[in-house]
Amino acid sequence: MKKTSLFFIEAALEEAPDDSAFIASVLGIVARARNISDLARSTGIARETLYKMLRGEGNPTMGNLSKLARSLGFRLSLVPVDSNGKPIKGSPKPSQARPLRRR
């Protein structure tokens, strides 16, 4: 399931990387394979807010998208891109980059 979800989410990010409502909607498709009540508990996001996010309505916050992604076993990250919006080859993968420390 996770591998299929990964390919689906990657394809959606290629299609519309800057559309947070679309990305939330795609995450919603993946999330519906799970129990929404459990997702609400694990993310700390109200169930009604989750349903709204997962329908692609509104403008979900980066924090809520991150919580949802994490609860589905993923992590949001920023990737360097060229002037056409395509990822720059040879740039370090998130797992290779040194994390910044919070102060």
PDB file of N, CA and C in Angstrom:
ATOM      1  N   MET A   1       0.819  -1.196   0.000  1.00  0.00           N
ATOM      2  CA  MET A   1       0.000   0.000   0.000  1.00  0.00           C
ATOM      3  C   MET A   1       0.864   1.261   0.000  1.00  0.00           C
ATOM      4  N   LYS A   2       1.911   1.286   0.860  1.00  0.00           N
ATOM      5  CA  LYS A   2       2.720   2.493   0.969  1.00  0.00           C
ATOM      6  C   LYS A   2       3.449   2.805  -0.340  1.00  0.00           C
ATOM      7  N   LYS A   3       3.937   1.779  -1.040  1.00  0.00           N
ATOM      8  CA  LYS A   3       4.664   2.004  -2.287  1.00  0.00           C
ATOM      9  C   LYS A   3       3.732   2.577  -3.353  1.00  0.00           C
ATOM     10  N   THR A   4       2.520   2.044  -3.447  1.00  0.00           N
ATOM     11  CA  THR A   4       1.530   2.557  -4.383  1.00  0.00           C
ATOM     12  C   THR A   4       1.195   4.001  -4.036  1.00  0.00           C
ATOM     13  N   SER A   5       1.019   4.277  -2.751  1.00  0.00           N
ATOM     14  CA  SER A   5       0.721   5.637  -2.290  1.00  0.00           C
ATOM     15  C   SER A   5       1.860   6.582  -2.654  1.00  0.00           C
ATOM     16  N   LEU A   6       3.080   6.111  -2.514  1.00  0.00           N
ATOM     17  CA  LEU A   6       4.248   6.923  -2.830  1.00  0.00           C
ATOM     18  C   LEU A   6       4.240   7.337  -4.302  1.00  0.00           C
ATOM     19  N   PHE A   7       4.009   6.381  -5.193  1.00  0.00           N
ATOM     20  CA  PHE A   7       3.980   6.690  -6.625  1.00  0.00           C
ATOM     21  C   PHE A   7       2.851   7.660  -6.950  1.00  0.00           C
ATOM     22  N   PHE A   8       1.705   7.458  -6.336  1.00  0.00           N
ATOM     23  CA  PHE A   8       0.544   8.313  -6.565  1.00  0.00           C
ATOM     24  C   PHE A   8       0.832   9.749  -6.108  1.00  0.00           C
ATOM     25  N   ILE A   9       1.403   9.884  -4.917  1.00  0.00           N
ATOM     26  CA  ILE A   9       1.715  11.212  -4.374  1.00  0.00           C
ATOM     27  C   ILE A   9       2.813  11.881  -5.200  1.00  0.00           C
ATOM     28  N   GLU A  10       3.843  11.130  -5.588  1.00  0.00           N
ATOM     29  CA  GLU A  10       4.916  11.691  -6.423  1.00  0.00           C
ATOM     30  C   GLU A  10       4.370  12.211  -7.751  1.00  0.00           C
ATOM     31  N   ALA A  11       3.458  11.461  -8.370  1.00  0.00           N
ATOM     32  CA  ALA A  11       2.860  11.888  -9.641  1.00  0.00           C
ATOM     33  C   ALA A  11       2.061  13.176  -9.449  1.00  0.00           C
ATOM     34  N   ALA A  12       1.347  13.267  -8.351  1.00  0.00           N
ATOM     35  CA  ALA A  12       0.559  14.476  -8.071  1.00  0.00           C
ATOM     36  C   ALA A  12       1.464  15.679  -7.847  1.00  0.00           C
ATOM     37  N   LEU A  13       2.575  15.474  -7.156  1.00  0.00           N
ATOM     38  CA  LEU A  13       3.514  16.569  -6.922  1.00  0.00           C
ATOM     39  C   LEU A  13       4.169  17.026  -8.213  1.00  0.00           C
ATOM     40  N   GLU A  14       4.385  16.107  -9.147  1.00  0.00           N
ATOM     41  CA  GLU A  14       4.911  16.480 -10.468  1.00  0.00           C
ATOM     42  C   GLU A  14       3.885  17.318 -11.219  1.00  0.00           C
ATOM     43  N   GLU A  15       2.625  16.918 -11.112  1.00  0.00           N
ATOM     44  CA  GLU A  15       1.540  17.561 -11.851  1.00  0.00           C
ATOM     45  C   GLU A  15       1.278  18.991 -11.371  1.00  0.00           C
ATOM     46  N   ALA A  16       1.205  19.168 -10.060  1.00  0.00           N
ATOM     47  CA  ALA A  16       0.844  20.490  -9.521  1.00  0.00           C
ATOM     48  C   ALA A  16       1.560  20.730  -8.197  1.00  0.00           C
ATOM     49  N   PRO A  17       2.879  20.954  -8.240  1.00  0.00           N
ATOM     50  CA  PRO A  17       3.652  21.057  -7.002  1.00  0.00           C
ATOM     51  C   PRO A  17       3.321  22.270  -6.133  1.00  0.00           C
ATOM     52  N   ASP A  18       2.704  23.283  -6.707  1.00  0.00           N
ATOM     53  CA  ASP A  18       2.422  24.505  -5.942  1.00  0.00           C
ATOM     54  C   ASP A  18       0.975  24.639  -5.507  1.00  0.00           C
ATOM     55  N   ASP A  19       0.163  23.640  -5.758  1.00  0.00           N
ATOM     56  CA  ASP A  19      -1.262  23.706  -5.447  1.00  0.00           C
ATOM     57  C   ASP A  19      -1.549  22.926  -4.169  1.00  0.00           C
ATOM     58  N   SER A  20      -1.539  23.618  -3.031  1.00  0.00           N
ATOM     59  CA  SER A  20      -1.699  22.939  -1.742  1.00  0.00           C
ATOM     60  C   SER A  20      -3.057  22.266  -1.610  1.00  0.00           C
ATOM     61  N   ALA A  21      -4.105  22.849  -2.183  1.00  0.00           N
ATOM     62  CA  ALA A  21      -5.432  22.227  -2.113  1.00  0.00           C
ATOM     63  C   ALA A  21      -5.442  20.911  -2.893  1.00  0.00           C
ATOM     64  N   PHE A  22      -4.793  20.898  -4.060  1.00  0.00           N
ATOM     65  CA  PHE A  22      -4.719  19.672  -4.862  1.00  0.00           C
ATOM     66  C   PHE A  22      -3.914  18.608  -4.125  1.00  0.00           C
ATOM     67  N   ILE A  23      -2.802  19.018  -3.545  1.00  0.00           N
ATOM     68  CA  ILE A  23      -1.961  18.066  -2.808  1.00  0.00           C
ATOM     69  C   ILE A  23      -2.729  17.501  -1.612  1.00  0.00           C
ATOM     70  N   ALA A  24      -3.462  18.368  -0.913  1.00  0.00           N
ATOM     71  CA  ALA A  24      -4.274  17.903   0.215  1.00  0.00           C
ATOM     72  C   ALA A  24      -5.332  16.922  -0.267  1.00  0.00           C
ATOM     73  N   SER A  25      -5.914  17.196  -1.418  1.00  0.00           N
ATOM     74  CA  SER A  25      -6.919  16.302  -1.987  1.00  0.00           C
ATOM     75  C   SER A  25      -6.316  14.939  -2.316  1.00  0.00           C
ATOM     76  N   VAL A  26      -5.115  14.935  -2.880  1.00  0.00           N
ATOM     77  CA  VAL A  26      -4.418  13.685  -3.192  1.00  0.00           C
ATOM     78  C   VAL A  26      -4.093  12.927  -1.903  1.00  0.00           C
ATOM     79  N   LEU A  27      -3.612  13.651  -0.892  1.00  0.00           N
ATOM     80  CA  LEU A  27      -3.355  13.013   0.403  1.00  0.00           C
ATOM     81  C   LEU A  27      -4.655  12.443   0.966  1.00  0.00           C
ATOM     82  N   GLY A  28      -5.768  13.127   0.674  1.00  0.00           N
ATOM     83  CA  GLY A  28      -7.072  12.659   1.129  1.00  0.00           C
ATOM     84  C   GLY A  28      -7.443  11.319   0.530  1.00  0.00           C
ATOM     85  N   ILE A  29      -7.118  11.135  -0.733  1.00  0.00           N
ATOM     86  CA  ILE A  29      -7.401   9.851  -1.383  1.00  0.00           C
ATOM     87  C   ILE A  29      -6.630   8.740  -0.676  1.00  0.00           C
ATOM     88  N   VAL A  30      -5.375   9.037  -0.367  1.00  0.00           N
ATOM     89  CA  VAL A  30      -4.549   8.060   0.358  1.00  0.00           C
ATOM     90  C   VAL A  30      -5.103   7.872   1.778  1.00  0.00           C
ATOM     91  N   ALA A  31      -5.496   8.975   2.407  1.00  0.00           N
ATOM     92  CA  ALA A  31      -5.976   8.916   3.793  1.00  0.00           C
ATOM     93  C   ALA A  31      -7.279   8.136   3.918  1.00  0.00           C
ATOM     94  N   ARG A  32      -8.129   8.196   2.903  1.00  0.00           N
ATOM     95  CA  ARG A  32      -9.413   7.501   2.970  1.00  0.00           C
ATOM     96  C   ARG A  32      -9.246   5.987   3.045  1.00  0.00           C
ATOM     97  N   ALA A  33      -8.083   5.521   2.676  1.00  0.00           N
ATOM     98  CA  ALA A  33      -7.796   4.093   2.824  1.00  0.00           C
ATOM     99  C   ALA A  33      -7.581   3.741   4.295  1.00  0.00           C
ATOM    100  N   ARG A  34      -7.491   4.770   5.114  1.00  0.00           N
ATOM    101  CA  ARG A  34      -7.332   4.605   6.560  1.00  0.00           C
ATOM    102  C   ARG A  34      -8.562   5.152   7.270  1.00  0.00           C
ATOM    103  N   ASN A  35      -8.585   5.054   8.572  1.00  0.00           N
ATOM    104  CA  ASN A  35      -9.688   5.547   9.379  1.00  0.00           C
ATOM    105  C   ASN A  35      -9.479   7.035   9.673  1.00  0.00           C
ATOM    106  N   ILE A  36     -10.421   7.874   9.252  1.00  0.00           N
ATOM    107  CA  ILE A  36     -10.299   9.327   9.430  1.00  0.00           C
ATOM    108  C   ILE A  36     -10.240   9.698  10.912  1.00  0.00           C
ATOM    109  N   SER A  37     -11.006   9.006  11.745  1.00  0.00           N
ATOM    110  CA  SER A  37     -10.973   9.304  13.187  1.00  0.00           C
ATOM    111  C   SER A  37      -9.580   9.062  13.759  1.00  0.00           C
ATOM    112  N   ASP A  38      -8.937   7.973  13.324  1.00  0.00           N
ATOM    113  CA  ASP A  38      -7.567   7.688  13.773  1.00  0.00           C
ATOM    114  C   ASP A  38      -6.601   8.763  13.284  1.00  0.00           C
ATOM    115  N   LEU A  39      -6.786   9.199  12.025  1.00  0.00           N
ATOM    116  CA  LEU A  39      -5.935  10.272  11.492  1.00  0.00           C
ATOM    117  C   LEU A  39      -6.131  11.567  12.281  1.00  0.00           C
ATOM    118  N   ALA A  40      -7.369  11.877  12.615  1.00  0.00           N
ATOM    119  CA  ALA A  40      -7.644  13.091  13.398  1.00  0.00           C
ATOM    120  C   ALA A  40      -6.924  13.025  14.739  1.00  0.00           C
ATOM    121  N   ARG A  41      -6.986  11.867  15.380  1.00  0.00           N
ATOM    122  CA  ARG A  41      -6.295  11.708  16.674  1.00  0.00           C
ATOM    123  C   ARG A  41      -4.783  11.823  16.512  1.00  0.00           C
ATOM    124  N   SER A  42      -4.242  11.151  15.507  1.00  0.00           N
ATOM    125  CA  SER A  42      -2.780  11.131  15.369  1.00  0.00           C
ATOM    126  C   SER A  42      -2.214  12.473  14.899  1.00  0.00           C
ATOM    127  N   THR A  43      -3.007  13.259  14.174  1.00  0.00           N
ATOM    128  CA  THR A  43      -2.517  14.548  13.687  1.00  0.00           C
ATOM    129  C   THR A  43      -2.854  15.696  14.628  1.00  0.00           C
ATOM    130  N   GLY A  44      -3.895  15.520  15.444  1.00  0.00           N
ATOM    131  CA  GLY A  44      -4.356  16.621  16.286  1.00  0.00           C
ATOM    132  C   GLY A  44      -5.203  17.618  15.504  1.00  0.00           C
ATOM    133  N   ILE A  45      -5.598  17.247  14.292  1.00  0.00           N
ATOM    134  CA  ILE A  45      -6.438  18.101  13.453  1.00  0.00           C
ATOM    135  C   ILE A  45      -7.881  17.643  13.628  1.00  0.00           C
ATOM    136  N   ALA A  46      -8.794  18.601  13.856  1.00  0.00           N
ATOM    137  CA  ALA A  46     -10.200  18.266  14.032  1.00  0.00           C
ATOM    138  C   ALA A  46     -10.703  17.491  12.814  1.00  0.00           C
ATOM    139  N   ARG A  47     -11.570  16.511  13.074  1.00  0.00           N
ATOM    140  CA  ARG A  47     -12.075  15.665  11.993  1.00  0.00           C
ATOM    141  C   ARG A  47     -12.748  16.481  10.886  1.00  0.00           C
ATOM    142  N   GLU A  48     -13.525  17.465  11.267  1.00  0.00           N
ATOM    143  CA  GLU A  48     -14.200  18.313  10.278  1.00  0.00           C
ATOM    144  C   GLU A  48     -13.179  19.059   9.407  1.00  0.00           C
ATOM    145  N   THR A  49     -12.120  19.560  10.049  1.00  0.00           N
ATOM    146  CA  THR A  49     -11.060  20.251   9.319  1.00  0.00           C
ATOM    147  C   THR A  49     -10.356  19.289   8.372  1.00  0.00           C
ATOM    148  N   LEU A  50     -10.118  18.066   8.837  1.00  0.00           N
ATOM    149  CA  LEU A  50      -9.496  17.051   7.988  1.00  0.00           C
ATOM    150  C   LEU A  50     -10.351  16.770   6.758  1.00  0.00           C
ATOM    151  N   TYR A  51     -11.648  16.564   6.973  1.00  0.00           N
ATOM    152  CA  TYR A  51     -12.535  16.295   5.838  1.00  0.00           C
ATOM    153  C   TYR A  51     -12.495  17.448   4.838  1.00  0.00           C
ATOM    154  N   LYS A  52     -12.508  18.664   5.349  1.00  0.00           N
ATOM    155  CA  LYS A  52     -12.478  19.843   4.474  1.00  0.00           C
ATOM    156  C   LYS A  52     -11.157  19.880   3.691  1.00  0.00           C
ATOM    157  N   MET A  53     -10.047  19.645   4.393  1.00  0.00           N
ATOM    158  CA  MET A  53      -8.737  19.612   3.744  1.00  0.00           C
ATOM    159  C   MET A  53      -8.687  18.540   2.669  1.00  0.00           C
ATOM    160  N   LEU A  54      -9.194  17.359   3.008  1.00  0.00           N
ATOM    161  CA  LEU A  54      -9.075  16.207   2.134  1.00  0.00           C
ATOM    162  C   LEU A  54      -9.980  16.294   0.907  1.00  0.00           C
ATOM    163  N   ARG A  55     -10.934  17.198   0.943  1.00  0.00           N
ATOM    164  CA  ARG A  55     -11.756  17.454  -0.244  1.00  0.00           C
ATOM    165  C   ARG A  55     -11.106  18.512  -1.124  1.00  0.00           C
ATOM    166  N   GLY A  56      -9.976  19.077  -0.675  1.00  0.00           N
ATOM    167  CA  GLY A  56      -9.289  20.103  -1.450  1.00  0.00           C
ATOM    168  C   GLY A  56      -9.918  21.465  -1.289  1.00  0.00           C
ATOM    169  N   GLU A  57     -10.697  21.641  -0.241  1.00  0.00           N
ATOM    170  CA  GLU A  57     -11.345  22.931   0.009  1.00  0.00           C
ATOM    171  C   GLU A  57     -10.454  23.809   0.880  1.00  0.00           C
ATOM    172  N   GLY A  58     -10.625  25.094   0.707  1.00  0.00           N
ATOM    173  CA  GLY A  58      -9.895  26.030   1.551  1.00  0.00           C
ATOM    174  C   GLY A  58      -8.429  26.111   1.156  1.00  0.00           C
ATOM    175  N   ASN A  59      -7.649  26.593   2.098  1.00  0.00           N
ATOM    176  CA  ASN A  59      -6.218  26.770   1.883  1.00  0.00           C
ATOM    177  C   ASN A  59      -5.503  26.169   3.094  1.00  0.00           C
ATOM    178  N   PRO A  60      -5.221  24.858   3.050  1.00  0.00           N
ATOM    179  CA  PRO A  60      -4.634  24.210   4.222  1.00  0.00           C
ATOM    180  C   PRO A  60      -3.277  24.799   4.583  1.00  0.00           C
ATOM    181  N   THR A  61      -3.008  24.879   5.871  1.00  0.00           N
ATOM    182  CA  THR A  61      -1.729  25.408   6.314  1.00  0.00           C
ATOM    183  C   THR A  61      -0.628  24.378   6.052  1.00  0.00           C
ATOM    184  N   MET A  62       0.574  24.868   5.954  1.00  0.00           N
ATOM    185  CA  MET A  62       1.720  23.988   5.766  1.00  0.00           C
ATOM    186  C   MET A  62       1.836  23.038   6.961  1.00  0.00           C
ATOM    187  N   GLY A  63       1.536  23.557   8.135  1.00  0.00           N
ATOM    188  CA  GLY A  63       1.592  22.732   9.342  1.00  0.00           C
ATOM    189  C   GLY A  63       0.634  21.560   9.278  1.00  0.00           C
ATOM    190  N   ASN A  64      -0.606  21.822   8.832  1.00  0.00           N
ATOM    191  CA  ASN A  64      -1.589  20.741   8.733  1.00  0.00           C
ATOM    192  C   ASN A  64      -1.216  19.746   7.639  1.00  0.00           C
ATOM    193  N   LEU A  65      -0.716  20.234   6.509  1.00  0.00           N
ATOM    194  CA  LEU A  65      -0.268  19.316   5.452  1.00  0.00           C
ATOM    195  C   LEU A  65       0.880  18.441   5.960  1.00  0.00           C
ATOM    196  N   SER A  66       1.788  19.045   6.707  1.00  0.00           N
ATOM    197  CA  SER A  66       2.925  18.308   7.245  1.00  0.00           C
ATOM    198  C   SER A  66       2.466  17.243   8.242  1.00  0.00           C
ATOM    199  N   LYS A  67       1.551  17.606   9.127  1.00  0.00           N
ATOM    200  CA  LYS A  67       1.020  16.641  10.101  1.00  0.00           C
ATOM    201  C   LYS A  67       0.335  15.480   9.396  1.00  0.00           C
ATOM    202  N   LEU A  68      -0.466  15.801   8.382  1.00  0.00           N
ATOM    203  CA  LEU A  68      -1.168  14.760   7.639  1.00  0.00           C
ATOM    204  C   LEU A  68      -0.179  13.851   6.926  1.00  0.00           C
ATOM    205  N   ALA A  69       0.796  14.432   6.241  1.00  0.00           N
ATOM    206  CA  ALA A  69       1.802  13.635   5.542  1.00  0.00           C
ATOM    207  C   ALA A  69       2.537  12.718   6.516  1.00  0.00           C
ATOM    208  N   ARG A  70       2.937  13.276   7.666  1.00  0.00           N
ATOM    209  CA  ARG A  70       3.658  12.479   8.661  1.00  0.00           C
ATOM    210  C   ARG A  70       2.823  11.305   9.152  1.00  0.00           C
ATOM    211  N   SER A  71       1.536  11.556   9.398  1.00  0.00           N
ATOM    212  CA  SER A  71       0.678  10.480   9.903  1.00  0.00           C
ATOM    213  C   SER A  71       0.460   9.394   8.859  1.00  0.00           C
ATOM    214  N   LEU A  72       0.651   9.736   7.581  1.00  0.00           N
ATOM    215  CA  LEU A  72       0.532   8.753   6.500  1.00  0.00           C
ATOM    216  C   LEU A  72       1.873   8.091   6.189  1.00  0.00           C
ATOM    217  N   GLY A  73       2.919   8.469   6.932  1.00  0.00           N
ATOM    218  CA  GLY A  73       4.229   7.851   6.754  1.00  0.00           C
ATOM    219  C   GLY A  73       5.125   8.568   5.767  1.00  0.00           C
ATOM    220  N   PHE A  74       4.846   9.858   5.513  1.00  0.00           N
ATOM    221  CA  PHE A  74       5.642  10.651   4.582  1.00  0.00           C
ATOM    222  C   PHE A  74       6.155  11.908   5.276  1.00  0.00           C
ATOM    223  N   ARG A  75       6.960  12.668   4.551  1.00  0.00           N
ATOM    224  CA  ARG A  75       7.486  13.934   5.058  1.00  0.00           C
ATOM    225  C   ARG A  75       7.522  14.918   3.899  1.00  0.00           C
ATOM    226  N   LEU A  76       7.130  16.146   4.182  1.00  0.00           N
ATOM    227  CA  LEU A  76       7.227  17.193   3.173  1.00  0.00           C
ATOM    228  C   LEU A  76       8.657  17.686   3.132  1.00  0.00           C
ATOM    229  N   SER A  77       9.131  18.042   1.933  1.00  0.00           N
ATOM    230  CA  SER A  77      10.482  18.585   1.826  1.00  0.00           C
ATOM    231  C   SER A  77      10.550  19.560   0.658  1.00  0.00           C
ATOM    232  N   LEU A  78      11.558  20.399   0.667  1.00  0.00           N
ATOM    233  CA  LEU A  78      11.804  21.337  -0.421  1.00  0.00           C
ATOM    234  C   LEU A  78      12.934  20.791  -1.273  1.00  0.00           C
ATOM    235  N   VAL A  79      12.769  20.892  -2.579  1.00  0.00           N
ATOM    236  CA  VAL A  79      13.746  20.362  -3.522  1.00  0.00           C
ATOM    237  C   VAL A  79      14.185  21.491  -4.445  1.00  0.00           C
ATOM    238  N   PRO A  80      15.487  21.687  -4.643  1.00  0.00           N
ATOM    239  CA  PRO A  80      15.926  22.733  -5.571  1.00  0.00           C
ATOM    240  C   PRO A  80      15.453  22.424  -6.992  1.00  0.00           C
ATOM    241  N   VAL A  81      15.001  23.470  -7.702  1.00  0.00           N
ATOM    242  CA  VAL A  81      14.508  23.301  -9.066  1.00  0.00           C
ATOM    243  C   VAL A  81      15.182  24.293 -10.003  1.00  0.00           C
ATOM    244  N   ASP A  82      15.131  23.970 -11.302  1.00  0.00           N
ATOM    245  CA  ASP A  82      15.668  24.887 -12.302  1.00  0.00           C
ATOM    246  C   ASP A  82      14.600  25.918 -12.680  1.00  0.00           C
ATOM    247  N   SER A  83      14.878  26.752 -13.670  1.00  0.00           N
ATOM    248  CA  SER A  83      13.953  27.822 -14.045  1.00  0.00           C
ATOM    249  C   SER A  83      12.645  27.296 -14.638  1.00  0.00           C
ATOM    250  N   ASN A  84      12.614  26.016 -15.032  1.00  0.00           N
ATOM    251  CA  ASN A  84      11.392  25.394 -15.555  1.00  0.00           C
ATOM    252  C   ASN A  84      10.613  24.649 -14.478  1.00  0.00           C
ATOM    253  N   GLY A  85      11.122  24.708 -13.244  1.00  0.00           N
ATOM    254  CA  GLY A  85      10.442  24.025 -12.150  1.00  0.00           C
ATOM    255  C   GLY A  85      10.769  22.548 -12.032  1.00  0.00           C
ATOM    256  N   LYS A  86      11.742  22.086 -12.795  1.00  0.00           N
ATOM    257  CA  LYS A  86      12.152  20.677 -12.740  1.00  0.00           C
ATOM    258  C   LYS A  86      13.248  20.503 -11.698  1.00  0.00           C
ATOM    259  N   PRO A  87      13.195  19.400 -10.918  1.00  0.00           N
ATOM    260  CA  PRO A  87      14.239  19.168  -9.911  1.00  0.00           C
ATOM    261  C   PRO A  87      15.627  19.160 -10.532  1.00  0.00           C
ATOM    262  N   ILE A  88      16.578  19.756  -9.829  1.00  0.00           N
ATOM    263  CA  ILE A  88      17.970  19.783 -10.278  1.00  0.00           C
ATOM    264  C   ILE A  88      18.602  18.442  -9.941  1.00  0.00           C
ATOM    265  N   LYS A  89      19.117  17.784 -10.959  1.00  0.00           N
ATOM    266  CA  LYS A  89      19.743  16.472 -10.745  1.00  0.00           C
ATOM    267  C   LYS A  89      21.056  16.651  -9.998  1.00  0.00           C
ATOM    268  N   GLY A  90      21.326  15.674  -9.157  1.00  0.00           N
ATOM    269  CA  GLY A  90      22.571  15.709  -8.413  1.00  0.00           C
ATOM    270  C   GLY A  90      22.476  16.485  -7.107  1.00  0.00           C
ATOM    271  N   SER A  91      21.315  17.102  -6.840  1.00  0.00           N
ATOM    272  CA  SER A  91      21.182  17.805  -5.562  1.00  0.00           C
ATOM    273  C   SER A  91      20.968  16.760  -4.468  1.00  0.00           C
ATOM    274  N   PRO A  92      21.403  17.062  -3.249  1.00  0.00           N
ATOM    275  CA  PRO A  92      21.303  16.056  -2.185  1.00  0.00           C
ATOM    276  C   PRO A  92      19.848  15.707  -1.885  1.00  0.00           C
ATOM    277  N   LYS A  93      19.614  14.440  -1.614  1.00  0.00           N
ATOM    278  CA  LYS A  93      18.292  13.985  -1.207  1.00  0.00           C
ATOM    279  C   LYS A  93      18.079  14.435   0.233  1.00  0.00           C
ATOM    280  N   PRO A  94      16.795  14.621   0.654  1.00  0.00           N
ATOM    281  CA  PRO A  94      16.544  15.079   2.024  1.00  0.00           C
ATOM    282  C   PRO A  94      17.252  14.238   3.080  1.00  0.00           C
ATOM    283  N   SER A  95      17.366  12.927   2.855  1.00  0.00           N
ATOM    284  CA  SER A  95      18.023  12.078   3.850  1.00  0.00           C
ATOM    285  C   SER A  95      19.524  12.336   3.915  1.00  0.00           C
ATOM    286  N   GLN A  96      20.099  12.935   2.849  1.00  0.00           N
ATOM    287  CA  GLN A  96      21.534  13.209   2.832  1.00  0.00           C
ATOM    288  C   GLN A  96      21.862  14.594   3.383  1.00  0.00           C
ATOM    289  N   ALA A  97      20.878  15.470   3.399  1.00  0.00           N
ATOM    290  CA  ALA A  97      21.104  16.838   3.863  1.00  0.00           C
ATOM    291  C   ALA A  97      21.158  16.861   5.386  1.00  0.00           C
ATOM    292  N   ARG A  98      21.953  17.774   5.895  1.00  0.00           N
ATOM    293  CA  ARG A  98      22.024  17.939   7.350  1.00  0.00           C
ATOM    294  C   ARG A  98      20.822  18.730   7.827  1.00  0.00           C
ATOM    295  N   PRO A  99      20.076  18.222   8.813  1.00  0.00           N
ATOM    296  CA  PRO A  99      18.916  18.974   9.297  1.00  0.00           C
ATOM    297  C   PRO A  99      19.338  20.222  10.067  1.00  0.00           C
ATOM    298  N   LEU A 100      18.533  21.249   9.985  1.00  0.00           N
ATOM    299  CA  LEU A 100      18.775  22.462  10.769  1.00  0.00           C
ATOM    300  C   LEU A 100      18.248  22.224  12.172  1.00  0.00           C
ATOM    301  N   ARG A 101      18.884  22.838  13.135  1.00  0.00           N
ATOM    302  CA  ARG A 101      18.416  22.694  14.516  1.00  0.00           C
ATOM    303  C   ARG A 101      17.513  23.857  14.871  1.00  0.00           C
ATOM    304  N   ARG A 102      16.432  23.534  15.531  1.00  0.00           N
ATOM    305  CA  ARG A 102      15.517  24.574  16.001  1.00  0.00           C
ATOM    306  C   ARG A 102      16.109  25.263  17.207  1.00  0.00           C
ATOM    307  N   ARG A 103      15.821  26.530  17.300  1.00  0.00           N
ATOM    308  CA  ARG A 103      16.306  27.261  18.484  1.00  0.00           C
ATOM    309  C   ARG A 103      15.176  27.595  19.380  1.00  0.00           C
TER     310      ARG A 103
END
